[in-house]
Amino acid sequence: MSNDRTGTPPTWMRPSFAAIVAAFFIAMGLDLEPVRFTLKAVPVSLLAVGVFLTEPRTRFRRLVALGLLFGAIGDFEFGVFEVMLGAFLVSHVIYIAAIVGIDRTPKLHLAVPYLAVGVGLTVFLAEGAGDQLIPVAIYALVISVMGWRAAALVGELEAAVAYPLAVGAAFFIISDALLAINRFHIDLPASDWLIMVPYLAAQGLIALGAVRCRAE
């Protein structure tokens, strides 16, 4: 349900996110590993806090903020792939719950390409994934559903909300696909850049859509 609940985020949210992202990429470019390690989880943590503090505090924003929080947890380099995978899996489930809570228009035709990507990527990575294939397959299915549900918002919500959420979800899929290919198939050149640029763009766009959304 729409109303006049366009969000008012904290004034520090956007500039601080942009500044930390810039610092993170500078650290990557200069091979300042301790700085890069320290900053990696900060941008999405800031988004989580900013979306949570956005007034009015709707259910949709609270859920997106929680999803961002689990994304930030996944950004911490615990050195255990399953921990990172689990944190992002929870994040995507929360995003799905948030999106379904504001629109349930099926648009099943949109599910086909997203699910095809998820299945195709799983099959492509099957040999390299080995005993991690089942969690990878589950993750691919969940993020495909997230992408489908975000895409289904286009035409149902105002463009300023629907497009950031849909494009953000698509960037997330791209980032995760590149991460999986780099881990299970072949070492990609400049893999950190290929993975982190669309990832941070994805989380930024999802946060932007949440701030702009008028739904409860």
N, C-alpha and C. Protein backbone atom coordinates (compact mmCIF):
# COMPACT_ATOMS: atom_id res chain seq x y z
N MET A 1 0.85 -1.19 0.00
CA MET A 1 0.00 0.00 0.00
C MET A 1 0.89 1.24 0.00
N SER A 2 0.57 2.20 -0.86
CA SER A 2 1.38 3.41 -0.96
C SER A 2 0.73 4.55 -0.22
N ASN A 3 1.58 5.41 0.31
CA ASN A 3 1.09 6.61 0.97
C ASN A 3 2.19 7.64 0.94
N ASP A 4 2.11 8.62 1.79
CA ASP A 4 3.12 9.68 1.77
C ASP A 4 4.25 9.40 2.75
N ARG A 5 4.86 8.23 2.64
CA ARG A 5 5.88 7.82 3.59
C ARG A 5 7.25 7.76 2.92
N THR A 6 7.48 8.62 1.93
CA THR A 6 8.81 8.70 1.35
C THR A 6 9.81 8.99 2.45
N GLY A 7 10.92 8.26 2.43
CA GLY A 7 11.83 8.31 3.55
C GLY A 7 12.70 9.55 3.64
N THR A 8 13.07 9.88 4.86
CA THR A 8 14.05 10.93 5.11
C THR A 8 15.24 10.28 5.81
N PRO A 9 16.28 9.92 5.03
CA PRO A 9 17.42 9.23 5.63
C PRO A 9 18.30 10.21 6.41
N PRO A 10 19.17 9.70 7.28
CA PRO A 10 20.12 10.57 7.98
C PRO A 10 20.98 11.32 6.96
N THR A 11 21.29 12.56 7.24
CA THR A 11 22.04 13.39 6.29
C THR A 11 23.43 12.83 6.00
N TRP A 12 23.98 12.05 6.94
CA TRP A 12 25.33 11.52 6.76
C TRP A 12 25.37 10.27 5.89
N MET A 13 24.21 9.66 5.62
CA MET A 13 24.19 8.33 5.02
C MET A 13 24.89 8.27 3.66
N ARG A 14 24.46 9.10 2.73
CA ARG A 14 24.99 9.02 1.37
C ARG A 14 26.44 9.49 1.28
N PRO A 15 26.79 10.65 1.85
CA PRO A 15 28.19 11.07 1.73
C PRO A 15 29.17 10.13 2.44
N SER A 16 28.77 9.59 3.58
CA SER A 16 29.69 8.69 4.29
C SER A 16 29.85 7.38 3.53
N PHE A 17 28.77 6.88 2.95
CA PHE A 17 28.87 5.66 2.12
C PHE A 17 29.80 5.90 0.95
N ALA A 18 29.61 7.01 0.25
CA ALA A 18 30.44 7.32 -0.91
C ALA A 18 31.91 7.48 -0.50
N ALA A 19 32.16 8.13 0.61
CA ALA A 19 33.54 8.37 1.05
C ALA A 19 34.24 7.07 1.43
N ILE A 20 33.54 6.19 2.15
CA ILE A 20 34.16 4.93 2.56
C ILE A 20 34.38 4.01 1.36
N VAL A 21 33.43 3.99 0.44
CA VAL A 21 33.61 3.19 -0.78
C VAL A 21 34.83 3.68 -1.55
N ALA A 22 34.97 5.00 -1.68
CA ALA A 22 36.13 5.56 -2.38
C ALA A 22 37.43 5.17 -1.68
N ALA A 23 37.44 5.28 -0.35
CA ALA A 23 38.63 4.91 0.42
C ALA A 23 38.94 3.43 0.26
N PHE A 24 37.91 2.60 0.25
CA PHE A 24 38.10 1.16 0.09
C PHE A 24 38.74 0.85 -1.26
N PHE A 25 38.23 1.47 -2.33
CA PHE A 25 38.78 1.19 -3.66
C PHE A 25 40.19 1.77 -3.82
N ILE A 26 40.46 2.89 -3.19
CA ILE A 26 41.83 3.42 -3.21
C ILE A 26 42.77 2.44 -2.51
N ALA A 27 42.34 1.90 -1.38
CA ALA A 27 43.16 0.91 -0.67
C ALA A 27 43.39 -0.33 -1.53
N MET A 28 42.36 -0.76 -2.25
CA MET A 28 42.52 -1.89 -3.16
C MET A 28 43.52 -1.57 -4.25
N GLY A 29 43.38 -0.37 -4.83
CA GLY A 29 44.26 0.01 -5.93
C GLY A 29 45.71 0.14 -5.51
N LEU A 30 45.93 0.56 -4.26
CA LEU A 30 47.30 0.75 -3.76
C LEU A 30 47.81 -0.47 -3.01
N ASP A 31 47.05 -1.54 -3.02
CA ASP A 31 47.45 -2.78 -2.32
C ASP A 31 47.67 -2.56 -0.84
N LEU A 32 46.86 -1.72 -0.23
CA LEU A 32 46.96 -1.48 1.22
C LEU A 32 46.04 -2.49 1.91
N GLU A 33 46.51 -3.72 2.04
CA GLU A 33 45.67 -4.81 2.51
C GLU A 33 45.07 -4.56 3.89
N PRO A 34 45.83 -4.07 4.88
CA PRO A 34 45.21 -3.83 6.20
C PRO A 34 44.07 -2.81 6.13
N VAL A 35 44.22 -1.78 5.31
CA VAL A 35 43.17 -0.77 5.18
C VAL A 35 41.96 -1.37 4.47
N ARG A 36 42.21 -2.10 3.39
CA ARG A 36 41.12 -2.74 2.65
C ARG A 36 40.35 -3.70 3.56
N PHE A 37 41.08 -4.50 4.33
CA PHE A 37 40.46 -5.45 5.25
C PHE A 37 39.60 -4.72 6.28
N THR A 38 40.12 -3.63 6.81
CA THR A 38 39.41 -2.87 7.85
C THR A 38 38.14 -2.22 7.32
N LEU A 39 38.20 -1.75 6.08
CA LEU A 39 37.08 -0.98 5.53
C LEU A 39 36.02 -1.84 4.85
N LYS A 40 36.32 -3.11 4.57
CA LYS A 40 35.45 -3.89 3.68
C LYS A 40 34.00 -3.94 4.14
N ALA A 41 33.77 -4.12 5.43
CA ALA A 41 32.39 -4.26 5.92
C ALA A 41 31.74 -2.93 6.28
N VAL A 42 32.51 -1.85 6.22
CA VAL A 42 31.99 -0.56 6.70
C VAL A 42 30.91 0.02 5.80
N PRO A 43 31.08 0.02 4.45
CA PRO A 43 30.05 0.68 3.62
C PRO A 43 28.65 0.11 3.82
N VAL A 44 28.52 -1.21 3.81
CA VAL A 44 27.19 -1.81 3.94
C VAL A 44 26.68 -1.67 5.37
N SER A 45 27.58 -1.66 6.34
CA SER A 45 27.16 -1.40 7.72
C SER A 45 26.54 -0.01 7.84
N LEU A 46 27.15 0.97 7.18
CA LEU A 46 26.59 2.33 7.19
C LEU A 46 25.22 2.36 6.53
N LEU A 47 25.07 1.63 5.43
CA LEU A 47 23.77 1.58 4.76
C LEU A 47 22.72 0.96 5.68
N ALA A 48 23.09 -0.10 6.38
CA ALA A 48 22.15 -0.76 7.28
C ALA A 48 21.65 0.19 8.35
N VAL A 49 22.57 0.92 8.96
CA VAL A 49 22.20 1.87 10.01
C VAL A 49 21.38 3.01 9.42
N GLY A 50 21.81 3.51 8.26
CA GLY A 50 21.11 4.62 7.63
C GLY A 50 19.68 4.28 7.24
N VAL A 51 19.48 3.10 6.64
CA VAL A 51 18.13 2.69 6.25
C VAL A 51 17.28 2.47 7.50
N PHE A 52 17.85 1.87 8.53
CA PHE A 52 17.10 1.64 9.77
C PHE A 52 16.65 2.96 10.40
N LEU A 53 17.50 3.98 10.32
CA LEU A 53 17.18 5.26 10.94
C LEU A 53 16.32 6.17 10.06
N THR A 54 16.08 5.74 8.82
CA THR A 54 15.27 6.55 7.92
C THR A 54 13.85 6.66 8.44
N GLU A 55 13.37 7.87 8.50
CA GLU A 55 12.00 8.12 8.97
C GLU A 55 11.05 8.26 7.80
N PRO A 56 9.83 7.72 7.92
CA PRO A 56 9.33 6.90 9.02
C PRO A 56 9.89 5.48 8.94
N ARG A 57 9.97 4.82 10.09
CA ARG A 57 10.58 3.48 10.15
C ARG A 57 9.55 2.41 9.81
N THR A 58 9.39 2.18 8.53
CA THR A 58 8.40 1.21 8.05
C THR A 58 8.93 -0.21 8.17
N ARG A 59 8.02 -1.16 8.08
CA ARG A 59 8.41 -2.57 8.12
C ARG A 59 9.36 -2.89 6.98
N PHE A 60 9.09 -2.36 5.78
CA PHE A 60 9.94 -2.62 4.62
C PHE A 60 11.38 -2.15 4.89
N ARG A 61 11.52 -0.94 5.42
CA ARG A 61 12.86 -0.42 5.68
C ARG A 61 13.57 -1.22 6.77
N ARG A 62 12.83 -1.61 7.78
CA ARG A 62 13.46 -2.40 8.85
C ARG A 62 13.98 -3.73 8.31
N LEU A 63 13.20 -4.36 7.43
CA LEU A 63 13.65 -5.62 6.85
C LEU A 63 14.86 -5.42 5.94
N VAL A 64 14.83 -4.39 5.11
CA VAL A 64 15.97 -4.13 4.24
C VAL A 64 17.22 -3.83 5.07
N ALA A 65 17.04 -3.05 6.14
CA ALA A 65 18.17 -2.76 7.03
C ALA A 65 18.74 -4.05 7.62
N LEU A 66 17.87 -4.99 7.98
CA LEU A 66 18.33 -6.27 8.52
C LEU A 66 19.06 -7.06 7.45
N GLY A 67 18.54 -7.04 6.23
CA GLY A 67 19.23 -7.70 5.12
C GLY A 67 20.60 -7.11 4.88
N LEU A 68 20.70 -5.80 4.93
CA LEU A 68 21.99 -5.13 4.78
C LEU A 68 22.94 -5.52 5.91
N LEU A 69 22.41 -5.64 7.11
CA LEU A 69 23.24 -6.03 8.25
C LEU A 69 23.86 -7.41 8.04
N PHE A 70 23.06 -8.36 7.57
CA PHE A 70 23.61 -9.69 7.29
C PHE A 70 24.61 -9.63 6.13
N GLY A 71 24.38 -8.72 5.17
CA GLY A 71 25.36 -8.52 4.11
C GLY A 71 26.69 -8.03 4.68
N ALA A 72 26.61 -7.11 5.63
CA ALA A 72 27.83 -6.60 6.27
C ALA A 72 28.54 -7.70 7.04
N ILE A 73 27.76 -8.58 7.68
CA ILE A 73 28.37 -9.73 8.37
C ILE A 73 29.10 -10.61 7.36
N GLY A 74 28.48 -10.82 6.21
CA GLY A 74 29.14 -11.60 5.16
C GLY A 74 30.40 -10.95 4.64
N ASP A 75 30.49 -9.62 4.74
CA ASP A 75 31.68 -8.91 4.27
C ASP A 75 32.89 -9.13 5.16
N PHE A 76 32.67 -9.46 6.43
CA PHE A 76 33.80 -9.75 7.30
C PHE A 76 34.50 -11.00 6.79
N GLU A 77 35.81 -10.94 6.69
CA GLU A 77 36.56 -12.06 6.13
C GLU A 77 36.93 -13.05 7.23
N PHE A 78 35.97 -13.91 7.54
CA PHE A 78 36.20 -14.89 8.59
C PHE A 78 37.13 -16.00 8.11
N GLY A 79 37.34 -16.09 6.81
CA GLY A 79 38.18 -17.16 6.28
C GLY A 79 37.42 -18.46 6.10
N VAL A 80 36.12 -18.46 6.35
CA VAL A 80 35.30 -19.66 6.19
C VAL A 80 34.23 -19.35 5.16
N PHE A 81 34.32 -19.99 4.01
CA PHE A 81 33.41 -19.71 2.91
C PHE A 81 31.96 -19.93 3.31
N GLU A 82 31.71 -21.01 4.06
CA GLU A 82 30.34 -21.35 4.45
C GLU A 82 29.71 -20.27 5.32
N VAL A 83 30.52 -19.61 6.15
CA VAL A 83 30.00 -18.54 7.01
C VAL A 83 29.55 -17.35 6.15
N MET A 84 30.40 -16.99 5.20
CA MET A 84 30.05 -15.89 4.30
C MET A 84 28.81 -16.24 3.48
N LEU A 85 28.78 -17.47 2.94
CA LEU A 85 27.65 -17.91 2.14
C LEU A 85 26.36 -17.88 2.96
N GLY A 86 26.45 -18.36 4.19
CA GLY A 86 25.27 -18.39 5.05
C GLY A 86 24.74 -17.01 5.37
N ALA A 87 25.66 -16.06 5.64
CA ALA A 87 25.24 -14.70 5.96
C ALA A 87 24.52 -14.06 4.78
N PHE A 88 25.07 -14.24 3.58
CA PHE A 88 24.43 -13.64 2.41
C PHE A 88 23.14 -14.38 2.05
N LEU A 89 23.09 -15.68 2.31
CA LEU A 89 21.85 -16.42 2.07
C LEU A 89 20.72 -15.85 2.94
N VAL A 90 21.00 -15.63 4.21
CA VAL A 90 20.01 -15.03 5.11
C VAL A 90 19.63 -13.64 4.61
N SER A 91 20.61 -12.88 4.15
CA SER A 91 20.36 -11.54 3.63
C SER A 91 19.36 -11.58 2.48
N HIS A 92 19.55 -12.52 1.54
CA HIS A 92 18.66 -12.59 0.38
C HIS A 92 17.26 -13.05 0.78
N VAL A 93 17.17 -13.97 1.73
CA VAL A 93 15.86 -14.41 2.21
C VAL A 93 15.11 -13.22 2.82
N ILE A 94 15.82 -12.39 3.56
CA ILE A 94 15.19 -11.21 4.16
C ILE A 94 14.76 -10.22 3.09
N TYR A 95 15.60 -10.02 2.07
CA TYR A 95 15.21 -9.14 0.97
C TYR A 95 13.94 -9.66 0.28
N ILE A 96 13.87 -10.97 0.07
CA ILE A 96 12.68 -11.55 -0.55
C ILE A 96 11.45 -11.28 0.31
N ALA A 97 11.58 -11.49 1.62
CA ALA A 97 10.46 -11.25 2.53
C ALA A 97 10.04 -9.79 2.48
N ALA A 98 11.01 -8.88 2.42
CA ALA A 98 10.70 -7.45 2.35
C ALA A 98 9.93 -7.12 1.07
N ILE A 99 10.40 -7.65 -0.05
CA ILE A 99 9.78 -7.34 -1.34
C ILE A 99 8.38 -7.95 -1.44
N VAL A 100 8.25 -9.21 -1.04
CA VAL A 100 6.94 -9.86 -1.09
C VAL A 100 5.94 -9.16 -0.17
N GLY A 101 6.45 -8.55 0.88
CA GLY A 101 5.60 -7.83 1.80
C GLY A 101 4.97 -6.58 1.22
N ILE A 102 5.56 -6.06 0.13
CA ILE A 102 4.98 -4.85 -0.47
C ILE A 102 4.35 -5.11 -1.83
N ASP A 103 4.67 -6.27 -2.46
CA ASP A 103 4.05 -6.58 -3.75
C ASP A 103 4.19 -8.07 -4.03
N ARG A 104 3.07 -8.71 -4.38
CA ARG A 104 3.07 -10.15 -4.66
C ARG A 104 2.64 -10.46 -6.08
N THR A 105 2.68 -9.47 -6.97
CA THR A 105 2.32 -9.71 -8.36
C THR A 105 3.23 -10.79 -8.92
N PRO A 106 2.69 -11.92 -9.40
CA PRO A 106 3.55 -13.06 -9.75
C PRO A 106 4.56 -12.78 -10.87
N LYS A 107 4.05 -12.32 -12.03
CA LYS A 107 4.92 -12.10 -13.20
C LYS A 107 5.85 -13.29 -13.40
N LEU A 108 5.24 -14.47 -13.54
CA LEU A 108 6.01 -15.70 -13.63
C LEU A 108 6.94 -15.74 -14.84
N HIS A 109 6.59 -14.98 -15.88
CA HIS A 109 7.46 -14.96 -17.06
C HIS A 109 8.83 -14.39 -16.72
N LEU A 110 8.90 -13.53 -15.68
CA LEU A 110 10.19 -12.97 -15.28
C LEU A 110 11.02 -13.98 -14.48
N ALA A 111 10.34 -14.97 -13.91
CA ALA A 111 11.08 -15.97 -13.14
C ALA A 111 11.96 -16.83 -14.03
N VAL A 112 11.53 -17.04 -15.27
CA VAL A 112 12.23 -17.96 -16.16
C VAL A 112 13.70 -17.58 -16.38
N PRO A 113 14.00 -16.34 -16.82
CA PRO A 113 15.41 -16.02 -17.05
C PRO A 113 16.25 -16.05 -15.78
N TYR A 114 15.68 -15.61 -14.66
CA TYR A 114 16.44 -15.59 -13.42
C TYR A 114 16.75 -17.01 -12.94
N LEU A 115 15.74 -17.87 -12.99
CA LEU A 115 15.97 -19.25 -12.56
C LEU A 115 16.89 -19.97 -13.54
N ALA A 116 16.80 -19.63 -14.82
CA ALA A 116 17.70 -20.23 -15.81
C ALA A 116 19.15 -19.88 -15.51
N VAL A 117 19.37 -18.64 -15.12
CA VAL A 117 20.73 -18.22 -14.75
C VAL A 117 21.21 -18.99 -13.53
N GLY A 118 20.36 -19.11 -12.52
CA GLY A 118 20.74 -19.84 -11.31
C GLY A 118 21.07 -21.29 -11.59
N VAL A 119 20.20 -21.96 -12.36
CA VAL A 119 20.43 -23.37 -12.67
C VAL A 119 21.66 -23.52 -13.57
N GLY A 120 21.75 -22.67 -14.58
CA GLY A 120 22.89 -22.75 -15.49
C GLY A 120 24.21 -22.55 -14.78
N LEU A 121 24.26 -21.57 -13.87
CA LEU A 121 25.50 -21.32 -13.13
C LEU A 121 25.84 -22.50 -12.23
N THR A 122 24.83 -23.10 -11.60
CA THR A 122 25.07 -24.25 -10.73
C THR A 122 25.64 -25.42 -11.53
N VAL A 123 25.06 -25.69 -12.68
CA VAL A 123 25.55 -26.78 -13.53
C VAL A 123 26.97 -26.49 -13.99
N PHE A 124 27.23 -25.25 -14.37
CA PHE A 124 28.55 -24.85 -14.85
C PHE A 124 29.62 -25.04 -13.77
N LEU A 125 29.24 -24.78 -12.51
CA LEU A 125 30.21 -24.84 -11.41
C LEU A 125 30.23 -26.19 -10.70
N ALA A 126 29.40 -27.13 -11.14
CA ALA A 126 29.21 -28.38 -10.40
C ALA A 126 30.52 -29.12 -10.14
N GLU A 127 31.32 -29.26 -11.15
CA GLU A 127 32.56 -30.03 -10.98
C GLU A 127 33.50 -29.36 -10.00
N GLY A 128 33.68 -28.05 -10.11
CA GLY A 128 34.60 -27.35 -9.22
C GLY A 128 34.08 -27.20 -7.81
N ALA A 129 32.75 -27.15 -7.64
CA ALA A 129 32.18 -26.93 -6.31
C ALA A 129 32.33 -28.16 -5.42
N GLY A 130 32.34 -29.35 -6.02
CA GLY A 130 32.54 -30.57 -5.24
C GLY A 130 31.51 -30.74 -4.15
N ASP A 131 31.98 -30.94 -2.90
CA ASP A 131 31.06 -31.19 -1.80
C ASP A 131 30.33 -29.93 -1.33
N GLN A 132 30.66 -28.78 -1.93
CA GLN A 132 29.94 -27.54 -1.62
C GLN A 132 28.82 -27.25 -2.62
N LEU A 133 28.58 -28.22 -3.51
CA LEU A 133 27.60 -27.99 -4.58
C LEU A 133 26.20 -27.74 -4.04
N ILE A 134 25.77 -28.50 -3.05
CA ILE A 134 24.39 -28.34 -2.54
C ILE A 134 24.17 -26.95 -1.95
N PRO A 135 25.06 -26.46 -1.03
CA PRO A 135 24.83 -25.09 -0.55
C PRO A 135 24.94 -24.04 -1.65
N VAL A 136 25.82 -24.27 -2.62
CA VAL A 136 25.93 -23.32 -3.74
C VAL A 136 24.64 -23.33 -4.56
N ALA A 137 24.07 -24.52 -4.78
CA ALA A 137 22.82 -24.62 -5.55
C ALA A 137 21.67 -23.94 -4.82
N ILE A 138 21.60 -24.14 -3.50
CA ILE A 138 20.55 -23.49 -2.70
C ILE A 138 20.70 -21.97 -2.78
N TYR A 139 21.94 -21.50 -2.66
CA TYR A 139 22.20 -20.06 -2.72
C TYR A 139 21.80 -19.50 -4.08
N ALA A 140 22.17 -20.22 -5.15
CA ALA A 140 21.84 -19.76 -6.50
C ALA A 140 20.33 -19.68 -6.69
N LEU A 141 19.60 -20.64 -6.14
CA LEU A 141 18.14 -20.61 -6.24
C LEU A 141 17.56 -19.41 -5.50
N VAL A 142 18.06 -19.17 -4.29
CA VAL A 142 17.51 -18.08 -3.46
C VAL A 142 17.80 -16.73 -4.10
N ILE A 143 19.02 -16.52 -4.57
CA ILE A 143 19.33 -15.21 -5.16
C ILE A 143 18.59 -15.02 -6.49
N SER A 144 18.32 -16.12 -7.19
CA SER A 144 17.52 -16.01 -8.42
C SER A 144 16.09 -15.57 -8.10
N VAL A 145 15.54 -16.12 -7.03
CA VAL A 145 14.20 -15.72 -6.60
C VAL A 145 14.21 -14.26 -6.18
N MET A 146 15.24 -13.85 -5.48
CA MET A 146 15.35 -12.44 -5.08
C MET A 146 15.37 -11.53 -6.29
N GLY A 147 16.16 -11.91 -7.31
CA GLY A 147 16.22 -11.11 -8.53
C GLY A 147 14.88 -11.03 -9.23
N TRP A 148 14.18 -12.17 -9.29
CA TRP A 148 12.85 -12.22 -9.92
C TRP A 148 11.86 -11.34 -9.20
N ARG A 149 11.81 -11.44 -7.86
CA ARG A 149 10.84 -10.65 -7.12
C ARG A 149 11.15 -9.15 -7.21
N ALA A 150 12.43 -8.79 -7.25
CA ALA A 150 12.78 -7.38 -7.41
C ALA A 150 12.38 -6.89 -8.80
N ALA A 151 12.63 -7.71 -9.82
CA ALA A 151 12.26 -7.32 -11.19
C ALA A 151 10.75 -7.17 -11.32
N ALA A 152 10.00 -7.99 -10.58
CA ALA A 152 8.54 -7.93 -10.65
C ALA A 152 7.97 -6.63 -10.11
N LEU A 153 8.78 -5.86 -9.39
CA LEU A 153 8.32 -4.58 -8.86
C LEU A 153 8.17 -3.52 -9.95
N VAL A 154 8.91 -3.69 -11.05
CA VAL A 154 8.87 -2.70 -12.14
C VAL A 154 7.46 -2.69 -12.74
N GLY A 155 6.87 -1.54 -12.78
CA GLY A 155 5.50 -1.40 -13.26
C GLY A 155 4.47 -1.47 -12.16
N GLU A 156 4.87 -1.95 -10.99
CA GLU A 156 3.96 -2.03 -9.85
C GLU A 156 4.20 -0.91 -8.86
N LEU A 157 5.45 -0.52 -8.68
CA LEU A 157 5.82 0.60 -7.82
C LEU A 157 6.37 1.72 -8.68
N GLU A 158 6.49 2.89 -8.11
CA GLU A 158 7.04 4.01 -8.86
C GLU A 158 8.46 3.68 -9.30
N ALA A 159 8.85 4.20 -10.47
CA ALA A 159 10.14 3.85 -11.08
C ALA A 159 11.32 4.18 -10.17
N ALA A 160 11.21 5.27 -9.41
CA ALA A 160 12.32 5.69 -8.55
C ALA A 160 12.60 4.68 -7.45
N VAL A 161 11.65 3.80 -7.17
CA VAL A 161 11.81 2.74 -6.18
C VAL A 161 12.11 1.41 -6.88
N ALA A 162 11.28 1.07 -7.87
CA ALA A 162 11.37 -0.25 -8.49
C ALA A 162 12.69 -0.46 -9.22
N TYR A 163 13.16 0.53 -9.97
CA TYR A 163 14.37 0.33 -10.75
C TYR A 163 15.62 0.19 -9.89
N PRO A 164 15.82 1.00 -8.85
CA PRO A 164 16.99 0.75 -8.00
C PRO A 164 16.97 -0.65 -7.38
N LEU A 165 15.81 -1.12 -6.94
CA LEU A 165 15.72 -2.45 -6.34
C LEU A 165 15.99 -3.54 -7.38
N ALA A 166 15.41 -3.39 -8.57
CA ALA A 166 15.58 -4.41 -9.61
C ALA A 166 17.02 -4.44 -10.13
N VAL A 167 17.58 -3.26 -10.39
CA VAL A 167 18.95 -3.20 -10.90
C VAL A 167 19.94 -3.64 -9.81
N GLY A 168 19.65 -3.24 -8.56
CA GLY A 168 20.50 -3.66 -7.46
C GLY A 168 20.53 -5.17 -7.33
N ALA A 169 19.38 -5.82 -7.43
CA ALA A 169 19.33 -7.28 -7.37
C ALA A 169 20.11 -7.90 -8.52
N ALA A 170 19.98 -7.32 -9.72
CA ALA A 170 20.72 -7.85 -10.87
C ALA A 170 22.23 -7.72 -10.67
N PHE A 171 22.67 -6.58 -10.14
CA PHE A 171 24.10 -6.41 -9.85
C PHE A 171 24.57 -7.43 -8.81
N PHE A 172 23.71 -7.73 -7.85
CA PHE A 172 24.06 -8.71 -6.82
C PHE A 172 24.31 -10.08 -7.47
N ILE A 173 23.43 -10.45 -8.39
CA ILE A 173 23.58 -11.73 -9.09
C ILE A 173 24.88 -11.75 -9.88
N ILE A 174 25.18 -10.65 -10.56
CA ILE A 174 26.42 -10.57 -11.33
C ILE A 174 27.63 -10.73 -10.42
N SER A 175 27.64 -10.00 -9.32
CA SER A 175 28.75 -10.07 -8.38
C SER A 175 28.94 -11.47 -7.83
N ASP A 176 27.83 -12.10 -7.40
CA ASP A 176 27.93 -13.44 -6.83
C ASP A 176 28.32 -14.47 -7.87
N ALA A 177 27.86 -14.31 -9.10
CA ALA A 177 28.25 -15.23 -10.16
C ALA A 177 29.75 -15.15 -10.42
N LEU A 178 30.29 -13.93 -10.46
CA LEU A 178 31.73 -13.76 -10.68
C LEU A 178 32.52 -14.32 -9.50
N LEU A 179 32.01 -14.12 -8.28
CA LEU A 179 32.69 -14.67 -7.10
C LEU A 179 32.74 -16.19 -7.18
N ALA A 180 31.61 -16.81 -7.56
CA ALA A 180 31.56 -18.27 -7.65
C ALA A 180 32.46 -18.80 -8.76
N ILE A 181 32.46 -18.13 -9.90
CA ILE A 181 33.33 -18.55 -11.01
C ILE A 181 34.79 -18.45 -10.59
N ASN A 182 35.12 -17.35 -9.89
CA ASN A 182 36.50 -17.15 -9.44
C ASN A 182 36.92 -18.22 -8.42
N ARG A 183 35.99 -18.64 -7.59
CA ARG A 183 36.32 -19.61 -6.54
C ARG A 183 36.34 -21.05 -7.05
N PHE A 184 35.36 -21.38 -7.91
CA PHE A 184 35.18 -22.79 -8.27
C PHE A 184 35.60 -23.15 -9.69
N HIS A 185 35.91 -22.17 -10.52
CA HIS A 185 36.19 -22.52 -11.92
C HIS A 185 37.55 -22.00 -12.40
N ILE A 186 37.75 -20.70 -12.37
CA ILE A 186 38.99 -20.13 -12.89
C ILE A 186 39.30 -18.83 -12.18
N ASP A 187 40.57 -18.57 -11.95
CA ASP A 187 40.96 -17.31 -11.34
C ASP A 187 40.75 -16.17 -12.34
N LEU A 188 39.86 -15.27 -12.00
CA LEU A 188 39.56 -14.14 -12.89
C LEU A 188 40.59 -13.03 -12.69
N PRO A 189 41.01 -12.37 -13.76
CA PRO A 189 41.90 -11.22 -13.59
C PRO A 189 41.15 -10.08 -12.90
N ALA A 190 41.85 -9.38 -12.00
CA ALA A 190 41.23 -8.27 -11.27
C ALA A 190 39.93 -8.69 -10.61
N SER A 191 39.92 -9.89 -10.02
CA SER A 191 38.69 -10.45 -9.48
C SER A 191 38.08 -9.59 -8.37
N ASP A 192 38.94 -9.00 -7.53
CA ASP A 192 38.40 -8.16 -6.45
C ASP A 192 37.56 -7.01 -7.02
N TRP A 193 38.06 -6.40 -8.08
CA TRP A 193 37.33 -5.30 -8.70
C TRP A 193 36.05 -5.79 -9.36
N LEU A 194 36.14 -6.90 -10.08
CA LEU A 194 34.98 -7.44 -10.78
C LEU A 194 33.87 -7.82 -9.82
N ILE A 195 34.25 -8.26 -8.62
CA ILE A 195 33.26 -8.69 -7.64
C ILE A 195 32.75 -7.52 -6.81
N MET A 196 33.65 -6.68 -6.32
CA MET A 196 33.27 -5.66 -5.36
C MET A 196 32.54 -4.47 -5.99
N VAL A 197 32.88 -4.09 -7.21
CA VAL A 197 32.21 -2.94 -7.82
C VAL A 197 30.70 -3.20 -7.98
N PRO A 198 30.29 -4.31 -8.64
CA PRO A 198 28.84 -4.54 -8.72
C PRO A 198 28.20 -4.84 -7.37
N TYR A 199 28.97 -5.44 -6.45
CA TYR A 199 28.41 -5.75 -5.13
C TYR A 199 28.04 -4.48 -4.37
N LEU A 200 28.96 -3.54 -4.30
CA LEU A 200 28.69 -2.31 -3.56
C LEU A 200 27.63 -1.47 -4.28
N ALA A 201 27.63 -1.52 -5.61
CA ALA A 201 26.57 -0.84 -6.36
C ALA A 201 25.22 -1.47 -6.03
N ALA A 202 25.20 -2.80 -5.92
CA ALA A 202 23.96 -3.51 -5.60
C ALA A 202 23.40 -3.09 -4.25
N GLN A 203 24.24 -3.12 -3.25
CA GLN A 203 23.77 -2.78 -1.90
C GLN A 203 23.36 -1.31 -1.83
N GLY A 204 24.10 -0.45 -2.50
CA GLY A 204 23.74 0.97 -2.52
C GLY A 204 22.39 1.21 -3.19
N LEU A 205 22.13 0.51 -4.29
CA LEU A 205 20.85 0.68 -4.99
C LEU A 205 19.69 0.10 -4.19
N ILE A 206 19.91 -1.03 -3.54
CA ILE A 206 18.85 -1.60 -2.69
C ILE A 206 18.52 -0.65 -1.55
N ALA A 207 19.55 -0.07 -0.93
CA ALA A 207 19.31 0.90 0.14
C ALA A 207 18.57 2.12 -0.39
N LEU A 208 18.95 2.58 -1.59
CA LEU A 208 18.28 3.73 -2.19
C LEU A 208 16.80 3.44 -2.43
N GLY A 209 16.50 2.25 -2.97
CA GLY A 209 15.11 1.88 -3.19
C GLY A 209 14.33 1.83 -1.90
N ALA A 210 14.97 1.33 -0.82
CA ALA A 210 14.30 1.24 0.47
C ALA A 210 14.00 2.62 1.04
N VAL A 211 14.93 3.54 0.89
CA VAL A 211 14.74 4.90 1.40
C VAL A 211 13.60 5.60 0.66
N ARG A 212 13.51 5.37 -0.64
CA ARG A 212 12.50 6.04 -1.45
C ARG A 212 11.12 5.40 -1.36
N CYS A 213 11.07 4.15 -0.92
CA CYS A 213 9.81 3.39 -0.97
C CYS A 213 8.77 3.97 -0.02
N ARG A 214 7.53 4.09 -0.52
CA ARG A 214 6.44 4.64 0.27
C ARG A 214 5.64 3.54 1.00
N ALA A 215 5.97 2.29 0.73
CA ALA A 215 5.20 1.20 1.32
C ALA A 215 5.45 1.11 2.83
N GLU A 216 4.52 0.51 3.51
CA GLU A 216 4.62 0.34 4.97
C GLU A 216 5.78 -0.58 5.34
